[in-house]
Amino acid sequence: MIPAPDLSDMRPDDWVARHLPASWGPYARLCRLDRPVGTWLTLLPCLAALVQAADGWPTLWRLFIFSLGALLMRGVGCTFNDIFDRDFDHRVERTRYRPLTSGQLSLKNALWFALAQLLVCAVLLLAINSMSRWLALALVPLVIIYPLCKRFTYWPQLVLGIAFNWGMLIAWSDTRDIVPWTAVAMWLGAALWQVGYDSIYAYVDVRDDRMLGLRSTAMRFGEHGKLWISGFYAATTMLWVGAGWGMGMRWPYYLVMALIAAHFVWQMRVFDVVRPERSFMLFRSNMLIGVLLIVAALAGTALRLA
């Protein structure tokens, strides 16, 4: 039996408890403002796409709009996740203090909060072009249905990867009025990357998911998790290298890609399906991959623009 490490979603020393009014705390935790790792993992690939689409530095306005969009859409996804899972979360030690399942918020208030976040997202649509608006609207049902996927498929992480890297496609459509095959390849690589690192995290919850009748890629991979995740990471690297070639990226891009590949190898050396206490550390380490992806985009365009 796989032991579940202590990764409680309620930490008394977090910045939400220290700096926000008590009445705001449940809403901040509902959209995971106290756990920004997921927001960074959503935003960083999108920023890399903005750099590639702009052939250099994107405008400050686009940086602001896409950063706020990533924050909001991640918040919307987490809010609906807790709404749908409220009857499960109280049965799991890690999630039993979440605002809805612990009674800090009512279902009605959580739904109003979800609507408020969506309304702000709707306002952001005014700041992007027509093609990008349609792409953004297509994303909304994916974000909402993702939490339900673990009830009927072993591949909810794939839906998550598709949805939470969607901003990469919008970055291209808003910057260039087109989404070329290279942009699709970068997005697909990011989606597979997320399947990999979110599967690592899913091993933390295998015992609880099995008890609750839920599904995940970790349950699908079982003891072969390292092989499966290595395959997803290899596919990610190949797609990003191929897309870089199609975009005409210069040699520094491939040097940074080599660093990303080395980091993937390190993750697989450390990862162990029977030691999920390492999983959260490995999950967090993927923020470095996101930063390196931006560095690769900047490095690959720098010589071309010189």
C-alpha atoms as a PDB file:
ATOM      1  CA  MET A   1       0.000   0.000   0.000  1.00  0.00           C
ATOM      2  CA  ILE A   2       1.305   3.461  -0.951  1.00  0.00           C
ATOM      3  CA  PRO A   3       1.580   5.872   1.993  1.00  0.00           C
ATOM      4  CA  ALA A   4       0.200   9.358   1.426  1.00  0.00           C
ATOM      5  CA  PRO A   5       2.565  12.137   2.540  1.00  0.00           C
ATOM      6  CA  ASP A   6       1.328  15.141   4.461  1.00  0.00           C
ATOM      7  CA  LEU A   7       0.484  17.680   1.765  1.00  0.00           C
ATOM      8  CA  SER A   8      -2.508  19.287   3.432  1.00  0.00           C
ATOM      9  CA  ASP A   9      -4.193  22.016   1.397  1.00  0.00           C
ATOM     10  CA  MET A  10      -4.569  24.122   4.547  1.00  0.00           C
ATOM     11  CA  ARG A  11      -1.377  25.679   5.842  1.00  0.00           C
ATOM     12  CA  PRO A  12      -1.745  28.072   8.799  1.00  0.00           C
ATOM     13  CA  ASP A  13       1.444  29.935   7.923  1.00  0.00           C
ATOM     14  CA  ASP A  14       0.623  30.791   4.300  1.00  0.00           C
ATOM     15  CA  TRP A  15       0.425  34.360   3.039  1.00  0.00           C
ATOM     16  CA  VAL A  16      -3.365  34.222   2.707  1.00  0.00           C
ATOM     17  CA  ALA A  17      -3.714  33.685   6.457  1.00  0.00           C
ATOM     18  CA  ARG A  18      -1.163  36.400   7.209  1.00  0.00           C
ATOM     19  CA  HIS A  19      -2.172  39.189   4.848  1.00  0.00           C
ATOM     20  CA  LEU A  20      -5.799  38.862   3.739  1.00  0.00           C
ATOM     21  CA  PRO A  21      -8.927  39.592   5.782  1.00  0.00           C
ATOM     22  CA  ALA A  22     -10.384  36.432   7.286  1.00  0.00           C
ATOM     23  CA  SER A  23     -13.521  36.725   5.149  1.00  0.00           C
ATOM     24  CA  TRP A  24     -11.412  36.695   1.965  1.00  0.00           C
ATOM     25  CA  GLY A  25      -9.366  33.657   2.936  1.00  0.00           C
ATOM     26  CA  PRO A  26     -11.827  30.947   1.824  1.00  0.00           C
ATOM     27  CA  TYR A  27     -12.209  32.534  -1.613  1.00  0.00           C
ATOM     28  CA  ALA A  28      -8.430  32.893  -2.015  1.00  0.00           C
ATOM     29  CA  ARG A  29      -7.978  29.233  -1.127  1.00  0.00           C
ATOM     30  CA  LEU A  30     -10.838  28.173  -3.381  1.00  0.00           C
ATOM     31  CA  CYS A  31      -8.982  29.580  -6.400  1.00  0.00           C
ATOM     32  CA  ARG A  32      -5.619  28.421  -4.952  1.00  0.00           C
ATOM     33  CA  LEU A  33      -4.028  31.839  -4.521  1.00  0.00           C
ATOM     34  CA  ASP A  34      -2.210  30.275  -1.586  1.00  0.00           C
ATOM     35  CA  ARG A  35      -0.699  27.663  -3.937  1.00  0.00           C
ATOM     36  CA  PRO A  36       0.715  29.593  -6.905  1.00  0.00           C
ATOM     37  CA  VAL A  37       2.699  26.709  -8.421  1.00  0.00           C
ATOM     38  CA  GLY A  38      -0.198  25.727 -10.674  1.00  0.00           C
ATOM     39  CA  THR A  39      -0.596  29.309 -11.877  1.00  0.00           C
ATOM     40  CA  TRP A  40       3.091  29.536 -12.784  1.00  0.00           C
ATOM     41  CA  LEU A  41       2.922  26.210 -14.617  1.00  0.00           C
ATOM     42  CA  THR A  42      -0.019  27.579 -16.601  1.00  0.00           C
ATOM     43  CA  LEU A  43       1.542  30.979 -17.275  1.00  0.00           C
ATOM     44  CA  LEU A  44       5.175  30.187 -18.120  1.00  0.00           C
ATOM     45  CA  PRO A  45       4.509  28.169 -21.334  1.00  0.00           C
ATOM     46  CA  CYS A  46       2.086  30.887 -22.414  1.00  0.00           C
ATOM     47  CA  LEU A  47       4.785  33.546 -21.949  1.00  0.00           C
ATOM     48  CA  ALA A  48       7.195  31.414 -23.987  1.00  0.00           C
ATOM     49  CA  ALA A  49       4.596  31.279 -26.769  1.00  0.00           C
ATOM     50  CA  LEU A  50       4.206  35.060 -26.645  1.00  0.00           C
ATOM     51  CA  VAL A  51       7.974  35.440 -27.083  1.00  0.00           C
ATOM     52  CA  GLN A  52       8.061  33.028 -30.021  1.00  0.00           C
ATOM     53  CA  ALA A  53       5.044  34.613 -31.700  1.00  0.00           C
ATOM     54  CA  ALA A  54       6.508  38.108 -31.294  1.00  0.00           C
ATOM     55  CA  ASP A  55      10.025  37.046 -32.392  1.00  0.00           C
ATOM     56  CA  GLY A  56      11.307  38.661 -29.218  1.00  0.00           C
ATOM     57  CA  TRP A  57       9.787  40.635 -26.376  1.00  0.00           C
ATOM     58  CA  PRO A  58       5.980  40.816 -26.453  1.00  0.00           C
ATOM     59  CA  THR A  59       4.260  44.066 -25.549  1.00  0.00           C
ATOM     60  CA  LEU A  60       3.729  44.855 -21.878  1.00  0.00           C
ATOM     61  CA  TRP A  61      -0.003  45.001 -22.552  1.00  0.00           C
ATOM     62  CA  ARG A  62      -0.054  41.406 -23.824  1.00  0.00           C
ATOM     63  CA  LEU A  63       2.085  40.278 -20.905  1.00  0.00           C
ATOM     64  CA  PHE A  64      -0.447  41.799 -18.518  1.00  0.00           C
ATOM     65  CA  ILE A  65      -3.545  40.415 -20.266  1.00  0.00           C
ATOM     66  CA  PHE A  66      -2.185  36.886 -20.614  1.00  0.00           C
ATOM     67  CA  SER A  67      -0.801  36.830 -17.081  1.00  0.00           C
ATOM     68  CA  LEU A  68      -4.156  37.880 -15.647  1.00  0.00           C
ATOM     69  CA  GLY A  69      -5.925  35.407 -17.932  1.00  0.00           C
ATOM     70  CA  ALA A  70      -3.740  32.525 -16.713  1.00  0.00           C
ATOM     71  CA  LEU A  71      -4.385  33.466 -13.084  1.00  0.00           C
ATOM     72  CA  LEU A  72      -8.144  33.679 -13.608  1.00  0.00           C
ATOM     73  CA  MET A  73      -8.585  30.529 -15.674  1.00  0.00           C
ATOM     74  CA  ARG A  74      -6.547  28.492 -13.222  1.00  0.00           C
ATOM     75  CA  GLY A  75      -8.750  29.925 -10.483  1.00  0.00           C
ATOM     76  CA  VAL A  76     -11.908  29.016 -12.397  1.00  0.00           C
ATOM     77  CA  GLY A  77     -10.656  25.467 -12.874  1.00  0.00           C
ATOM     78  CA  CYS A  78      -9.816  25.067  -9.187  1.00  0.00           C
ATOM     79  CA  THR A  79     -13.147  26.542  -8.128  1.00  0.00           C
ATOM     80  CA  PHE A  80     -15.148  24.109 -10.254  1.00  0.00           C
ATOM     81  CA  ASN A  81     -12.877  21.283  -9.109  1.00  0.00           C
ATOM     82  CA  ASP A  82     -13.820  21.957  -5.481  1.00  0.00           C
ATOM     83  CA  ILE A  83     -17.490  22.394  -6.355  1.00  0.00           C
ATOM     84  CA  PHE A  84     -17.644  19.012  -8.061  1.00  0.00           C
ATOM     85  CA  ASP A  85     -15.428  17.271  -5.493  1.00  0.00           C
ATOM     86  CA  ARG A  86     -16.950  18.695  -2.321  1.00  0.00           C
ATOM     87  CA  ASP A  87     -18.439  15.334  -1.350  1.00  0.00           C
ATOM     88  CA  PHE A  88     -15.108  13.570  -1.900  1.00  0.00           C
ATOM     89  CA  ASP A  89     -12.697  16.060  -0.351  1.00  0.00           C
ATOM     90  CA  HIS A  90     -13.868  15.633   3.246  1.00  0.00           C
ATOM     91  CA  ARG A  91     -12.905  11.945   3.061  1.00  0.00           C
ATOM     92  CA  VAL A  92      -9.276  12.685   2.148  1.00  0.00           C
ATOM     93  CA  GLU A  93      -6.804  13.977   4.725  1.00  0.00           C
ATOM     94  CA  ARG A  94      -4.996  16.210   2.214  1.00  0.00           C
ATOM     95  CA  THR A  95      -8.155  17.995   1.049  1.00  0.00           C
ATOM     96  CA  ARG A  96     -10.536  17.907   4.004  1.00  0.00           C
ATOM     97  CA  TYR A  97      -9.780  21.527   4.961  1.00  0.00           C
ATOM     98  CA  ARG A  98     -10.686  22.971   1.565  1.00  0.00           C
ATOM     99  CA  PRO A  99     -13.216  25.811   1.927  1.00  0.00           C
ATOM    100  CA  LEU A 100     -16.268  24.067   0.493  1.00  0.00           C
ATOM    101  CA  THR A 101     -15.956  20.647   2.045  1.00  0.00           C
ATOM    102  CA  SER A 102     -14.987  22.082   5.456  1.00  0.00           C
ATOM    103  CA  GLY A 103     -17.992  24.444   5.535  1.00  0.00           C
ATOM    104  CA  GLN A 104     -16.039  27.704   5.305  1.00  0.00           C
ATOM    105  CA  LEU A 105     -18.005  28.563   2.148  1.00  0.00           C
ATOM    106  CA  SER A 106     -21.481  27.643   0.980  1.00  0.00           C
ATOM    107  CA  LEU A 107     -22.084  26.093  -2.428  1.00  0.00           C
ATOM    108  CA  LYS A 108     -24.104  29.165  -3.427  1.00  0.00           C
ATOM    109  CA  ASN A 109     -21.227  31.534  -2.633  1.00  0.00           C
ATOM    110  CA  ALA A 110     -18.747  29.295  -4.469  1.00  0.00           C
ATOM    111  CA  LEU A 111     -20.947  29.355  -7.582  1.00  0.00           C
ATOM    112  CA  TRP A 112     -21.231  33.153  -7.401  1.00  0.00           C
ATOM    113  CA  PHE A 113     -17.460  33.358  -7.071  1.00  0.00           C
ATOM    114  CA  ALA A 114     -16.979  31.120 -10.126  1.00  0.00           C
ATOM    115  CA  LEU A 115     -19.361  33.361 -12.094  1.00  0.00           C
ATOM    116  CA  ALA A 116     -17.488  36.486 -10.981  1.00  0.00           C
ATOM    117  CA  GLN A 117     -14.189  35.051 -12.207  1.00  0.00           C
ATOM    118  CA  LEU A 118     -15.757  34.133 -15.550  1.00  0.00           C
ATOM    119  CA  LEU A 119     -17.156  37.649 -15.917  1.00  0.00           C
ATOM    120  CA  VAL A 120     -13.703  39.163 -15.440  1.00  0.00           C
ATOM    121  CA  CYS A 121     -12.401  36.714 -18.047  1.00  0.00           C
ATOM    122  CA  ALA A 122     -15.167  37.916 -20.380  1.00  0.00           C
ATOM    123  CA  VAL A 123     -13.932  41.486 -19.968  1.00  0.00           C
ATOM    124  CA  LEU A 124     -10.442  40.348 -20.960  1.00  0.00           C
ATOM    125  CA  LEU A 125     -11.872  39.116 -24.264  1.00  0.00           C
ATOM    126  CA  LEU A 126     -12.214  42.772 -25.274  1.00  0.00           C
ATOM    127  CA  ALA A 127      -8.413  43.081 -25.178  1.00  0.00           C
ATOM    128  CA  ILE A 128      -7.703  40.325 -27.743  1.00  0.00           C
ATOM    129  CA  ASN A 129      -8.587  39.879 -31.402  1.00  0.00           C
ATOM    130  CA  SER A 130     -11.599  38.071 -32.840  1.00  0.00           C
ATOM    131  CA  MET A 131      -9.885  34.748 -33.572  1.00  0.00           C
ATOM    132  CA  SER A 132      -8.457  34.675 -30.059  1.00  0.00           C
ATOM    133  CA  ARG A 133     -11.868  35.316 -28.526  1.00  0.00           C
ATOM    134  CA  TRP A 134     -13.291  32.211 -30.197  1.00  0.00           C
ATOM    135  CA  LEU A 135     -10.328  30.156 -29.015  1.00  0.00           C
ATOM    136  CA  ALA A 136     -10.784  31.491 -25.490  1.00  0.00           C
ATOM    137  CA  LEU A 137     -14.490  30.638 -25.504  1.00  0.00           C
ATOM    138  CA  ALA A 138     -13.685  27.110 -26.668  1.00  0.00           C
ATOM    139  CA  LEU A 139     -11.468  26.715 -23.611  1.00  0.00           C
ATOM    140  CA  VAL A 140     -14.185  27.389 -21.024  1.00  0.00           C
ATOM    141  CA  PRO A 141     -16.044  24.038 -21.283  1.00  0.00           C
ATOM    142  CA  LEU A 142     -12.722  22.167 -21.107  1.00  0.00           C
ATOM    143  CA  VAL A 143     -11.803  23.930 -17.875  1.00  0.00           C
ATOM    144  CA  ILE A 144     -15.214  23.206 -16.366  1.00  0.00           C
ATOM    145  CA  ILE A 145     -15.457  19.521 -17.333  1.00  0.00           C
ATOM    146  CA  TYR A 146     -11.880  18.619 -16.384  1.00  0.00           C
ATOM    147  CA  PRO A 147     -12.734  17.878 -12.713  1.00  0.00           C
ATOM    148  CA  LEU A 148     -15.418  15.422 -13.855  1.00  0.00           C
ATOM    149  CA  CYS A 149     -13.076  13.436 -16.092  1.00  0.00           C
ATOM    150  CA  LYS A 150     -11.562  11.419 -13.250  1.00  0.00           C
ATOM    151  CA  ARG A 151     -14.973   9.839 -12.745  1.00  0.00           C
ATOM    152  CA  PHE A 152     -14.998   8.094 -16.131  1.00  0.00           C
ATOM    153  CA  THR A 153     -11.476   8.050 -17.622  1.00  0.00           C
ATOM    154  CA  TYR A 154      -7.964   7.202 -16.499  1.00  0.00           C
ATOM    155  CA  TRP A 155      -6.724  10.211 -18.520  1.00  0.00           C
ATOM    156  CA  PRO A 156      -7.921  13.363 -16.720  1.00  0.00           C
ATOM    157  CA  GLN A 157      -4.324  14.623 -16.807  1.00  0.00           C
ATOM    158  CA  LEU A 158      -4.524  14.724 -20.612  1.00  0.00           C
ATOM    159  CA  VAL A 159      -7.621  16.937 -20.474  1.00  0.00           C
ATOM    160  CA  LEU A 160      -5.815  19.127 -17.942  1.00  0.00           C
ATOM    161  CA  GLY A 161      -2.772  19.426 -20.202  1.00  0.00           C
ATOM    162  CA  ILE A 162      -4.908  20.351 -23.206  1.00  0.00           C
ATOM    163  CA  ALA A 163      -6.869  22.980 -21.272  1.00  0.00           C
ATOM    164  CA  PHE A 164      -4.216  24.649 -19.152  1.00  0.00           C
ATOM    165  CA  ASN A 165      -1.765  25.142 -22.009  1.00  0.00           C
ATOM    166  CA  TRP A 166      -4.438  26.494 -24.353  1.00  0.00           C
ATOM    167  CA  GLY A 167      -3.150  30.010 -23.781  1.00  0.00           C
ATOM    168  CA  MET A 168      -0.157  29.148 -25.973  1.00  0.00           C
ATOM    169  CA  LEU A 169      -2.490  28.893 -28.986  1.00  0.00           C
ATOM    170  CA  ILE A 170      -4.254  32.124 -28.031  1.00  0.00           C
ATOM    171  CA  ALA A 171      -0.872  33.866 -27.719  1.00  0.00           C
ATOM    172  CA  TRP A 172      -0.114  33.042 -31.343  1.00  0.00           C
ATOM    173  CA  SER A 173      -3.570  33.898 -32.669  1.00  0.00           C
ATOM    174  CA  ASP A 174      -3.562  37.267 -30.924  1.00  0.00           C
ATOM    175  CA  THR A 175      -0.011  38.148 -31.987  1.00  0.00           C
ATOM    176  CA  ARG A 176      -0.008  36.810 -35.557  1.00  0.00           C
ATOM    177  CA  ASP A 177      -3.697  36.255 -36.438  1.00  0.00           C
ATOM    178  CA  ILE A 178      -2.736  32.671 -37.220  1.00  0.00           C
ATOM    179  CA  VAL A 179      -1.886  29.459 -35.379  1.00  0.00           C
ATOM    180  CA  PRO A 180       0.849  27.718 -37.431  1.00  0.00           C
ATOM    181  CA  TRP A 181       1.736  24.038 -37.106  1.00  0.00           C
ATOM    182  CA  THR A 182       4.807  24.964 -35.087  1.00  0.00           C
ATOM    183  CA  ALA A 183       2.613  26.642 -32.449  1.00  0.00           C
ATOM    184  CA  VAL A 184       0.374  23.562 -32.336  1.00  0.00           C
ATOM    185  CA  ALA A 185       3.469  21.370 -31.878  1.00  0.00           C
ATOM    186  CA  MET A 186       4.693  23.531 -28.982  1.00  0.00           C
ATOM    187  CA  TRP A 187       1.232  23.366 -27.386  1.00  0.00           C
ATOM    188  CA  LEU A 188       0.982  19.608 -27.846  1.00  0.00           C
ATOM    189  CA  GLY A 189       4.454  19.228 -26.310  1.00  0.00           C
ATOM    190  CA  ALA A 190       3.351  21.303 -23.327  1.00  0.00           C
ATOM    191  CA  ALA A 191       0.182  19.231 -22.944  1.00  0.00           C
ATOM    192  CA  LEU A 192       2.206  15.995 -22.877  1.00  0.00           C
ATOM    193  CA  TRP A 193       4.686  17.571 -20.470  1.00  0.00           C
ATOM    194  CA  GLN A 194       1.785  18.304 -18.136  1.00  0.00           C
ATOM    195  CA  VAL A 195       0.523  14.737 -18.430  1.00  0.00           C
ATOM    196  CA  GLY A 196       3.988  13.701 -17.265  1.00  0.00           C
ATOM    197  CA  TYR A 197       4.443  15.968 -14.274  1.00  0.00           C
ATOM    198  CA  ASP A 198       0.819  15.818 -13.162  1.00  0.00           C
ATOM    199  CA  SER A 199       1.007  12.020 -13.261  1.00  0.00           C
ATOM    200  CA  ILE A 200       3.965  12.242 -10.884  1.00  0.00           C
ATOM    201  CA  TYR A 201       1.773  14.278  -8.529  1.00  0.00           C
ATOM    202  CA  ALA A 202      -1.159  11.884  -9.005  1.00  0.00           C
ATOM    203  CA  TYR A 203       0.841   9.096  -7.355  1.00  0.00           C
ATOM    204  CA  VAL A 204       0.352  10.971  -4.068  1.00  0.00           C
ATOM    205  CA  ASP A 205      -3.402  10.353  -4.284  1.00  0.00           C
ATOM    206  CA  VAL A 206      -3.504   6.782  -5.633  1.00  0.00           C
ATOM    207  CA  ARG A 207      -4.639   5.257  -2.356  1.00  0.00           C
ATOM    208  CA  ASP A 208      -7.412   7.819  -1.830  1.00  0.00           C
ATOM    209  CA  ASP A 209      -8.524   7.755  -5.476  1.00  0.00           C
ATOM    210  CA  ARG A 210      -8.888   3.992  -5.335  1.00  0.00           C
ATOM    211  CA  MET A 211     -10.948   4.256  -2.149  1.00  0.00           C
ATOM    212  CA  LEU A 212     -13.234   6.895  -3.715  1.00  0.00           C
ATOM    213  CA  GLY A 213     -13.610   5.115  -7.061  1.00  0.00           C
ATOM    214  CA  LEU A 214     -11.814   7.880  -8.984  1.00  0.00           C
ATOM    215  CA  ARG A 215      -9.288   7.428 -11.777  1.00  0.00           C
ATOM    216  CA  SER A 216      -5.978   8.949 -12.859  1.00  0.00           C
ATOM    217  CA  THR A 217      -3.027   8.267 -15.116  1.00  0.00           C
ATOM    218  CA  ALA A 218      -1.106   7.133 -12.025  1.00  0.00           C
ATOM    219  CA  MET A 219      -3.639   4.340 -11.551  1.00  0.00           C
ATOM    220  CA  ARG A 220      -3.452   3.513 -15.274  1.00  0.00           C
ATOM    221  CA  PHE A 221       0.362   3.396 -15.301  1.00  0.00           C
ATOM    222  CA  GLY A 222       0.720   1.565 -11.983  1.00  0.00           C
ATOM    223  CA  GLU A 223       4.200   0.205 -11.368  1.00  0.00           C
ATOM    224  CA  HIS A 224       5.215   1.186 -14.920  1.00  0.00           C
ATOM    225  CA  GLY A 225       4.853   4.898 -14.183  1.00  0.00           C
ATOM    226  CA  LYS A 226       8.493   5.741 -14.780  1.00  0.00           C
ATOM    227  CA  LEU A 227       8.387   4.195 -18.269  1.00  0.00           C
ATOM    228  CA  TRP A 228       5.170   5.955 -19.228  1.00  0.00           C
ATOM    229  CA  ILE A 229       6.220   9.370 -17.915  1.00  0.00           C
ATOM    230  CA  SER A 230       9.634   9.029 -19.575  1.00  0.00           C
ATOM    231  CA  GLY A 231       7.790   8.475 -22.849  1.00  0.00           C
ATOM    232  CA  PHE A 232       5.712  11.631 -22.395  1.00  0.00           C
ATOM    233  CA  TYR A 233       8.808  13.655 -21.537  1.00  0.00           C
ATOM    234  CA  ALA A 234      10.649  12.281 -24.587  1.00  0.00           C
ATOM    235  CA  ALA A 235       7.711  13.186 -26.833  1.00  0.00           C
ATOM    236  CA  THR A 236       7.630  16.685 -25.319  1.00  0.00           C
ATOM    237  CA  THR A 237      11.322  17.205 -26.058  1.00  0.00           C
ATOM    238  CA  MET A 238      10.979  15.998 -29.654  1.00  0.00           C
ATOM    239  CA  LEU A 239       7.948  18.201 -30.312  1.00  0.00           C
ATOM    240  CA  TRP A 240       9.654  21.288 -28.863  1.00  0.00           C
ATOM    241  CA  VAL A 241      12.842  20.638 -30.834  1.00  0.00           C
ATOM    242  CA  GLY A 242      10.887  20.037 -34.043  1.00  0.00           C
ATOM    243  CA  ALA A 243       8.790  23.161 -33.542  1.00  0.00           C
ATOM    244  CA  GLY A 244      11.929  25.197 -32.891  1.00  0.00           C
ATOM    245  CA  TRP A 245      13.399  23.957 -36.167  1.00  0.00           C
ATOM    246  CA  GLY A 246      10.185  24.909 -37.978  1.00  0.00           C
ATOM    247  CA  MET A 247      10.334  28.411 -36.479  1.00  0.00           C
ATOM    248  CA  GLY A 248      13.961  28.876 -37.474  1.00  0.00           C
ATOM    249  CA  MET A 249      15.242  29.082 -33.907  1.00  0.00           C
ATOM    250  CA  ARG A 250      19.011  29.596 -33.635  1.00  0.00           C
ATOM    251  CA  TRP A 251      21.479  27.271 -31.930  1.00  0.00           C
ATOM    252  CA  PRO A 252      21.052  28.653 -28.359  1.00  0.00           C
ATOM    253  CA  TYR A 253      17.480  27.378 -28.442  1.00  0.00           C
ATOM    254  CA  TYR A 254      18.695  23.798 -28.810  1.00  0.00           C
ATOM    255  CA  LEU A 255      21.268  24.268 -26.068  1.00  0.00           C
ATOM    256  CA  VAL A 256      18.487  25.195 -23.649  1.00  0.00           C
ATOM    257  CA  MET A 257      16.417  22.275 -24.962  1.00  0.00           C
ATOM    258  CA  ALA A 258      19.314  20.020 -23.977  1.00  0.00           C
ATOM    259  CA  LEU A 259      19.107  21.449 -20.437  1.00  0.00           C
ATOM    260  CA  ILE A 260      15.369  20.739 -20.389  1.00  0.00           C
ATOM    261  CA  ALA A 261      16.001  17.161 -21.537  1.00  0.00           C
ATOM    262  CA  ALA A 262      18.629  16.771 -18.807  1.00  0.00           C
ATOM    263  CA  HIS A 263      16.121  17.978 -16.212  1.00  0.00           C
ATOM    264  CA  PHE A 264      13.602  15.408 -17.430  1.00  0.00           C
ATOM    265  CA  VAL A 265      16.242  12.700 -17.048  1.00  0.00           C
ATOM    266  CA  TRP A 266      16.985  13.888 -13.503  1.00  0.00           C
ATOM    267  CA  GLN A 267      13.277  13.775 -12.629  1.00  0.00           C
ATOM    268  CA  MET A 268      13.031  10.188 -13.798  1.00  0.00           C
ATOM    269  CA  ARG A 269      16.117   9.204 -11.820  1.00  0.00           C
ATOM    270  CA  VAL A 270      14.580  10.631  -8.634  1.00  0.00           C
ATOM    271  CA  PHE A 271      10.964   9.568  -9.213  1.00  0.00           C
ATOM    272  CA  ASP A 272       9.792   6.329  -7.634  1.00  0.00           C
ATOM    273  CA  VAL A 273       6.197   5.083  -7.820  1.00  0.00           C
ATOM    274  CA  VAL A 274       6.469   3.614  -4.320  1.00  0.00           C
ATOM    275  CA  ARG A 275       7.895   6.802  -2.778  1.00  0.00           C
ATOM    276  CA  PRO A 276       5.243   9.458  -3.490  1.00  0.00           C
ATOM    277  CA  GLU A 277       6.702  11.724  -0.807  1.00  0.00           C
ATOM    278  CA  ARG A 278       9.114  12.849  -3.545  1.00  0.00           C
ATOM    279  CA  SER A 279       6.310  13.643  -5.960  1.00  0.00           C
ATOM    280  CA  PHE A 280       5.441  17.152  -4.778  1.00  0.00           C
ATOM    281  CA  MET A 281       9.092  18.222  -4.944  1.00  0.00           C
ATOM    282  CA  LEU A 282       9.347  16.891  -8.510  1.00  0.00           C
ATOM    283  CA  PHE A 283       6.046  18.517  -9.440  1.00  0.00           C
ATOM    284  CA  ARG A 284       7.297  21.904  -8.214  1.00  0.00           C
ATOM    285  CA  SER A 285      10.610  21.475 -10.037  1.00  0.00           C
ATOM    286  CA  ASN A 286       8.751  21.763 -13.336  1.00  0.00           C
ATOM    287  CA  MET A 287       8.556  25.514 -12.810  1.00  0.00           C
ATOM    288  CA  LEU A 288      12.219  25.475 -13.855  1.00  0.00           C
ATOM    289  CA  ILE A 289      11.189  23.799 -17.115  1.00  0.00           C
ATOM    290  CA  GLY A 290       8.734  26.637 -17.724  1.00  0.00           C
ATOM    291  CA  VAL A 291      11.439  29.242 -17.084  1.00  0.00           C
ATOM    292  CA  LEU A 292      13.855  27.407 -19.380  1.00  0.00           C
ATOM    293  CA  LEU A 293      11.184  27.318 -22.079  1.00  0.00           C
ATOM    294  CA  ILE A 294      11.039  31.124 -21.978  1.00  0.00           C
ATOM    295  CA  VAL A 295      14.841  31.330 -21.991  1.00  0.00           C
ATOM    296  CA  ALA A 296      14.929  29.020 -25.009  1.00  0.00           C
ATOM    297  CA  ALA A 297      12.424  31.208 -26.871  1.00  0.00           C
ATOM    298  CA  LEU A 298      14.415  34.363 -26.113  1.00  0.00           C
ATOM    299  CA  ALA A 299      17.758  32.740 -26.919  1.00  0.00           C
ATOM    300  CA  GLY A 300      16.450  31.245 -30.149  1.00  0.00           C
ATOM    301  CA  THR A 301      15.241  34.605 -31.439  1.00  0.00           C
ATOM    302  CA  ALA A 302      18.103  36.790 -30.176  1.00  0.00           C
ATOM    303  CA  LEU A 303      20.644  35.903 -32.873  1.00  0.00           C
ATOM    304  CA  ARG A 304      18.000  36.030 -35.569  1.00  0.00           C
ATOM    305  CA  LEU A 305      17.156  39.603 -34.603  1.00  0.00           C
ATOM    306  CA  ALA A 306      20.783  40.704 -34.174  1.00  0.00           C
END
